[in-house]
N, C-alpha and C. Protein backbone atom coordinates (compact mmCIF):
# COMPACT_ATOMS: atom_id res chain seq x y z
N UNK A 1 -4.31 9.81 -5.54
CA UNK A 1 -3.92 8.83 -5.31
C UNK A 1 -2.60 8.16 -6.11
N UNK A 2 -1.63 8.19 -6.47
CA UNK A 2 -0.55 7.87 -7.34
C UNK A 2 -0.64 5.34 -7.76
N UNK A 3 -0.69 5.51 -8.90
CA UNK A 3 -1.39 3.96 -9.33
C UNK A 3 0.02 3.08 -9.78
N UNK A 4 0.28 2.35 -9.28
CA UNK A 4 1.93 1.61 -9.81
C UNK A 4 1.20 0.38 -10.68
N UNK A 5 1.22 -0.14 -11.25
CA UNK A 5 1.07 -1.20 -12.33
C UNK A 5 1.69 -2.48 -11.30
N UNK A 6 1.32 -3.38 -11.26
CA UNK A 6 1.52 -4.75 -10.52
C UNK A 6 1.42 -6.19 -11.17
N UNK A 7 2.08 -6.83 -10.62
CA UNK A 7 2.12 -8.03 -11.88
C UNK A 7 2.81 -9.87 -10.42
N UNK A 8 1.58 -9.40 -9.73
CA UNK A 8 2.06 -10.11 -8.65
C UNK A 8 1.44 -11.74 -8.18
N UNK A 9 2.17 -12.70 -9.25
CA UNK A 9 0.69 -13.82 -9.30
C UNK A 9 0.52 -14.44 -7.86
N UNK A 10 -0.66 -15.22 -8.05
CA UNK A 10 -2.12 -15.46 -6.98
C UNK A 10 -0.94 -15.87 -5.67
N UNK A 11 0.04 -17.32 -6.37
CA UNK A 11 0.91 -17.89 -5.38
C UNK A 11 1.52 -17.26 -4.52
N UNK A 12 2.31 -15.89 -5.41
CA UNK A 12 2.68 -14.86 -4.29
C UNK A 12 2.48 -13.62 -3.80
N UNK A 13 1.00 -13.80 -3.39
CA UNK A 13 0.75 -12.25 -3.02
C UNK A 13 1.00 -11.73 -1.10
N UNK A 14 0.91 -13.19 -1.06
CA UNK A 14 1.48 -13.08 0.42
C UNK A 14 2.98 -12.91 0.30
N UNK A 15 3.36 -13.52 -0.03
CA UNK A 15 5.45 -13.40 -0.11
C UNK A 15 5.74 -12.11 0.48
N UNK A 16 5.00 -11.48 -1.53
CA UNK A 16 5.39 -9.90 -1.89
C UNK A 16 5.05 -9.48 -0.83
N UNK A 17 3.38 -9.45 0.13
CA UNK A 17 3.24 -8.36 0.72
C UNK A 17 3.48 -8.30 2.09
N UNK A 18 4.34 -9.66 1.97
CA UNK A 18 5.37 -9.88 3.38
C UNK A 18 7.03 -8.88 3.32
N UNK A 19 7.29 -9.71 2.10
CA UNK A 19 8.95 -8.42 1.96
C UNK A 19 8.76 -6.87 1.82
N UNK A 20 6.88 -6.57 1.49
CA UNK A 20 7.42 -5.07 1.25
C UNK A 20 6.85 -4.95 2.85
N UNK A 21 6.37 -5.57 3.83
CA UNK A 21 6.55 -4.71 4.57
C UNK A 21 7.66 -4.88 5.86
N UNK A 22 7.91 -6.28 5.42
CA UNK A 22 10.14 -5.91 5.87
C UNK A 22 10.77 -4.61 5.30
N UNK A 23 10.75 -4.36 4.07
CA UNK A 23 11.93 -3.53 3.58
C UNK A 23 11.18 -2.08 4.56
N UNK A 24 9.93 -1.20 4.55
CA UNK A 24 9.90 -1.07 4.62
C UNK A 24 9.76 -0.31 6.34
N UNK A 25 9.07 -1.44 7.02
CA UNK A 25 9.64 -1.51 8.65
C UNK A 25 11.70 -1.47 9.10
N UNK A 26 11.96 -1.62 8.17
CA UNK A 26 13.46 -1.41 8.20
C UNK A 26 13.86 -0.40 7.46
N UNK A 27 13.57 -0.01 6.59
CA UNK A 27 13.68 1.56 5.74
C UNK A 27 13.82 2.10 6.90
N UNK A 28 12.33 2.70 7.10
CA UNK A 28 11.47 3.71 8.10
C UNK A 28 11.08 3.32 9.32
N UNK A 29 10.95 2.36 9.55
CA UNK A 29 10.37 2.09 10.86
C UNK A 29 9.00 1.23 11.39
N UNK A 30 8.76 0.99 12.61
CA UNK A 30 7.89 -0.05 12.72
C UNK A 30 6.38 0.38 12.31
N UNK A 31 6.21 -0.71 11.82
CA UNK A 31 4.57 -0.04 11.11
C UNK A 31 3.31 -0.61 11.74
N UNK A 32 2.48 0.70 12.19
CA UNK A 32 0.96 0.42 12.72
C UNK A 32 -0.02 0.37 11.42
N UNK A 33 -1.00 -0.75 11.24
CA UNK A 33 -1.60 -0.45 10.35
C UNK A 33 -3.37 -1.25 10.75
N UNK A 34 -3.85 -0.15 10.06
CA UNK A 34 -5.45 -1.32 9.67
C UNK A 34 -5.63 -1.77 7.97
N UNK A 35 -6.31 -2.92 8.64
CA UNK A 35 -6.70 -3.36 7.00
C UNK A 35 -8.48 -3.30 6.73
N UNK A 36 -8.61 -3.72 5.31
CA UNK A 36 -9.72 -3.83 5.20
C UNK A 36 -10.45 -4.58 3.85
N UNK A 37 -11.07 -4.98 3.49
CA UNK A 37 -11.26 -5.52 2.45
C UNK A 37 -12.51 -4.81 1.75
N UNK A 38 -12.30 -3.98 0.45
CA UNK A 38 -13.59 -3.54 -0.30
C UNK A 38 -13.66 -4.19 -1.83
N UNK A 39 -15.19 -4.55 -2.13
CA UNK A 39 -15.88 -5.07 -2.69
C UNK A 39 -15.33 -3.90 -4.12
N UNK A 40 -15.71 -4.16 -5.24
CA UNK A 40 -15.54 -3.87 -6.24
C UNK A 40 -16.54 -4.59 -7.81
N UNK A 41 -17.08 -3.30 -8.63
CA UNK A 41 -18.24 -3.37 -9.78
C UNK A 41 -18.01 -4.31 -10.40
N UNK A 42 -16.50 -5.30 -10.33
CA UNK A 42 -16.17 -6.79 -10.84
C UNK A 42 -15.67 -8.00 -9.47
N UNK A 43 -16.58 -8.66 -9.69
CA UNK A 43 -16.59 -9.47 -8.50
C UNK A 43 -15.53 -10.29 -8.12
N UNK A 44 -14.49 -10.04 -9.94
CA UNK A 44 -13.36 -11.10 -9.58
C UNK A 44 -12.23 -9.77 -9.14
N UNK A 45 -12.50 -9.06 -8.61
CA UNK A 45 -11.39 -7.86 -7.92
C UNK A 45 -11.73 -7.57 -6.55
N UNK A 46 -11.38 -7.44 -6.13
CA UNK A 46 -10.78 -6.86 -5.02
C UNK A 46 -10.21 -5.71 -4.07
N UNK A 47 -10.70 -5.34 -3.64
CA UNK A 47 -9.35 -4.76 -2.96
C UNK A 47 -9.33 -4.80 -0.91
N UNK A 48 -7.77 -4.46 -0.87
CA UNK A 48 -6.90 -5.13 -0.08
C UNK A 48 -6.65 -3.23 0.45
N UNK A 49 -7.00 -2.63 1.52
CA UNK A 49 -6.53 -1.46 1.71
C UNK A 49 -6.12 -0.98 3.87
N UNK A 50 -5.04 -0.85 2.71
CA UNK A 50 -4.14 -0.95 3.97
C UNK A 50 -4.57 0.58 4.41
N UNK A 51 -4.37 1.04 5.51
CA UNK A 51 -3.68 2.79 6.26
C UNK A 51 -1.85 2.14 7.28
N UNK A 52 -1.48 2.76 6.60
CA UNK A 52 0.24 2.10 7.37
C UNK A 52 0.73 3.25 8.12
N UNK A 53 0.95 3.96 9.59
CA UNK A 53 1.36 4.52 9.86
C UNK A 53 3.02 4.67 10.24
N UNK A 54 3.47 5.31 10.50
CA UNK A 54 4.69 5.34 11.86
C UNK A 54 4.26 6.56 13.08
N UNK A 55 4.51 6.41 14.14
CA UNK A 55 4.77 6.95 14.95
C UNK A 55 5.62 8.34 15.11
N UNK A 56 6.82 7.48 14.66
CA UNK A 56 7.58 8.96 14.33
C UNK A 56 7.70 9.96 13.01
N UNK A 57 6.96 9.52 12.00
CA UNK A 57 7.26 10.49 10.87
C UNK A 57 5.42 11.14 10.89
N UNK A 58 6.22 11.95 9.77
CA UNK A 58 4.78 13.12 10.18
C UNK A 58 3.65 12.34 9.00
N UNK A 59 3.84 11.28 8.23
CA UNK A 59 3.09 11.09 7.50
C UNK A 59 2.28 9.93 7.51
N UNK A 60 1.20 9.44 7.16
CA UNK A 60 0.21 8.08 6.94
C UNK A 60 0.22 7.78 5.62
N UNK A 61 0.06 6.00 4.94
CA UNK A 61 -0.02 5.68 3.65
C UNK A 61 -0.90 5.54 3.77
N UNK A 62 -1.42 5.12 2.35
CA UNK A 62 -2.41 4.69 2.14
C UNK A 62 -2.85 4.19 1.31
N UNK A 63 -2.81 2.81 0.92
CA UNK A 63 -2.47 1.34 -0.14
C UNK A 63 -4.17 0.77 -0.36
N UNK A 64 -3.79 0.75 -1.42
CA UNK A 64 -5.68 0.14 -2.09
C UNK A 64 -5.58 -0.92 -3.18
N UNK A 65 -4.46 -1.75 -2.86
CA UNK A 65 -4.48 -3.15 -3.85
C UNK A 65 -5.18 -3.94 -4.23
N UNK A 66 -5.28 -4.10 -5.79
CA UNK A 66 -6.83 -4.68 -6.51
C UNK A 66 -5.66 -5.61 -6.78
N UNK A 67 -6.70 -6.53 -5.80
CA UNK A 67 -6.39 -8.32 -6.05
C UNK A 67 -7.45 -8.93 -6.83
N UNK A 68 -7.13 -9.63 -7.65
CA UNK A 68 -7.82 -9.93 -8.73
C UNK A 68 -8.04 -11.71 -8.17
N UNK A 69 -9.41 -12.42 -8.47
CA UNK A 69 -8.90 -13.76 -8.03
C UNK A 69 -7.93 -14.55 -8.23
N UNK A 70 -8.26 -14.40 -9.33
CA UNK A 70 -7.33 -15.62 -10.23
C UNK A 70 -6.01 -15.10 -10.87
N UNK A 71 -5.30 -13.55 -11.00
CA UNK A 71 -4.90 -13.30 -11.20
C UNK A 71 -3.56 -13.14 -9.95
N UNK A 72 -4.09 -12.29 -9.18
CA UNK A 72 -3.33 -11.73 -8.07
C UNK A 72 -3.00 -10.36 -8.15
N UNK A 73 -1.99 -9.48 -7.65
CA UNK A 73 -2.26 -8.33 -7.51
C UNK A 73 -2.14 -7.90 -8.40
N UNK A 74 -2.59 -6.71 -9.16
CA UNK A 74 -3.07 -6.02 -10.13
C UNK A 74 -2.39 -5.07 -10.71
N UNK A 75 -2.36 -4.30 -9.13
CA UNK A 75 -2.36 -2.46 -9.15
C UNK A 75 -2.17 -2.35 -7.94
N UNK A 76 -1.47 -1.61 -7.63
CA UNK A 76 -2.17 -0.59 -6.06
C UNK A 76 -1.67 1.23 -5.80
N UNK A 77 -2.60 1.04 -5.47
CA UNK A 77 -2.57 2.70 -5.66
C UNK A 77 -2.37 3.31 -4.22
N UNK A 78 -1.56 3.97 -4.34
CA UNK A 78 -0.73 4.75 -2.44
C UNK A 78 -1.16 6.42 -2.81
N UNK A 79 -1.09 6.96 -1.80
CA UNK A 79 -1.55 8.20 -1.35
C UNK A 79 -0.46 8.33 0.15
N UNK A 80 -0.29 9.39 -0.19
CA UNK A 80 0.38 9.75 1.63
C UNK A 80 0.31 10.96 2.16
N UNK A 81 -0.22 10.86 3.46
CA UNK A 81 -1.13 12.73 3.24
C UNK A 81 -0.21 12.41 4.72
N UNK A 82 0.21 13.96 4.95
CA UNK A 82 0.47 14.57 6.48
C UNK A 82 -0.31 14.27 6.68
N UNK A 83 0.06 13.96 7.92
CA UNK A 83 -0.78 14.12 9.30
C UNK A 83 -1.61 15.13 10.45
N UNK A 84 -1.15 16.36 10.24
CA UNK A 84 -1.94 16.64 10.61
C UNK A 84 -2.68 17.92 9.97
N UNK A 85 -2.09 17.98 8.55
CA UNK A 85 -3.34 18.88 7.78
C UNK A 85 -4.02 17.80 6.88
N UNK A 86 -3.64 16.44 7.07
CA UNK A 86 -4.77 15.21 5.96
C UNK A 86 -4.15 16.20 4.80
N UNK A 87 -2.85 16.47 4.00
CA UNK A 87 -2.57 17.19 3.00
C UNK A 87 -1.46 15.76 1.77
N UNK A 88 -1.69 15.67 0.49
CA UNK A 88 -0.74 14.61 -0.08
C UNK A 88 0.31 15.78 0.06
N UNK A 89 1.30 14.76 0.50
CA UNK A 89 2.35 14.75 1.02
C UNK A 89 3.54 14.19 -0.07
N UNK A 90 3.79 14.35 -1.05
CA UNK A 90 4.40 14.13 -2.26
C UNK A 90 5.93 13.65 -1.83
N UNK A 91 6.07 15.09 -1.63
CA UNK A 91 8.03 14.27 -0.91
C UNK A 91 7.72 13.54 0.17
N UNK A 92 7.13 12.93 0.60
CA UNK A 92 7.30 12.13 1.50
C UNK A 92 6.84 10.79 0.93
N UNK A 93 6.24 11.28 -0.04
CA UNK A 93 5.47 9.91 -0.87
C UNK A 93 6.63 9.28 -1.44
N UNK A 94 7.52 10.36 -2.26
CA UNK A 94 8.43 9.47 -3.36
C UNK A 94 9.97 9.29 -3.01
N UNK A 95 9.90 9.39 -1.17
CA UNK A 95 11.56 9.09 -0.23
C UNK A 95 10.61 8.38 0.29
N UNK A 96 9.68 7.71 0.21
CA UNK A 96 9.77 6.47 1.07
C UNK A 96 8.66 5.49 0.99
N UNK A 97 7.54 5.62 0.32
CA UNK A 97 6.79 4.57 -0.27
C UNK A 97 6.37 4.09 -1.56
N UNK A 98 6.83 5.04 -3.15
CA UNK A 98 6.76 4.77 -4.00
C UNK A 98 8.25 3.78 -4.85
N UNK A 99 9.59 3.86 -4.03
CA UNK A 99 10.44 3.50 -4.78
C UNK A 99 11.00 2.34 -4.62
N UNK A 100 10.10 1.33 -3.75
CA UNK A 100 10.30 0.31 -2.95
C UNK A 100 8.63 -1.11 -3.92
N UNK A 101 7.91 -0.15 -4.24
CA UNK A 101 7.36 -0.71 -5.40
C UNK A 101 7.24 -1.46 -6.53
C-alpha cells in the first residue's frame, strides 16, 4: 500500500470524502464500494476501509483512511490491484487514484 499524509479536519471529513467520490466517479466511472470500520491499537484512531471498484476497469482499489476521533483524517493507505491476478497495479495507481489525494 502507498501511504499519503492527510490533514483533513474532523468537521470536513464527510465533505472531503464526498468530493473525492464525486471526482473519482466523474473522471473514472461509477463507483461500487464496500466499507468497514477497523480498530487500531490507538483508541483515538480507527480505520475506514473502503474497497472501490468500477466494472469497466481492470483494477480494484482499497483505501484505508486513518480517522483520528478529534483531529480528522490523518493519512490514507491506498493499494490498486489488478482484478484478474490480484497483483499491485502501479500504473493504474499512478494514473487513477494517487493524483486525486
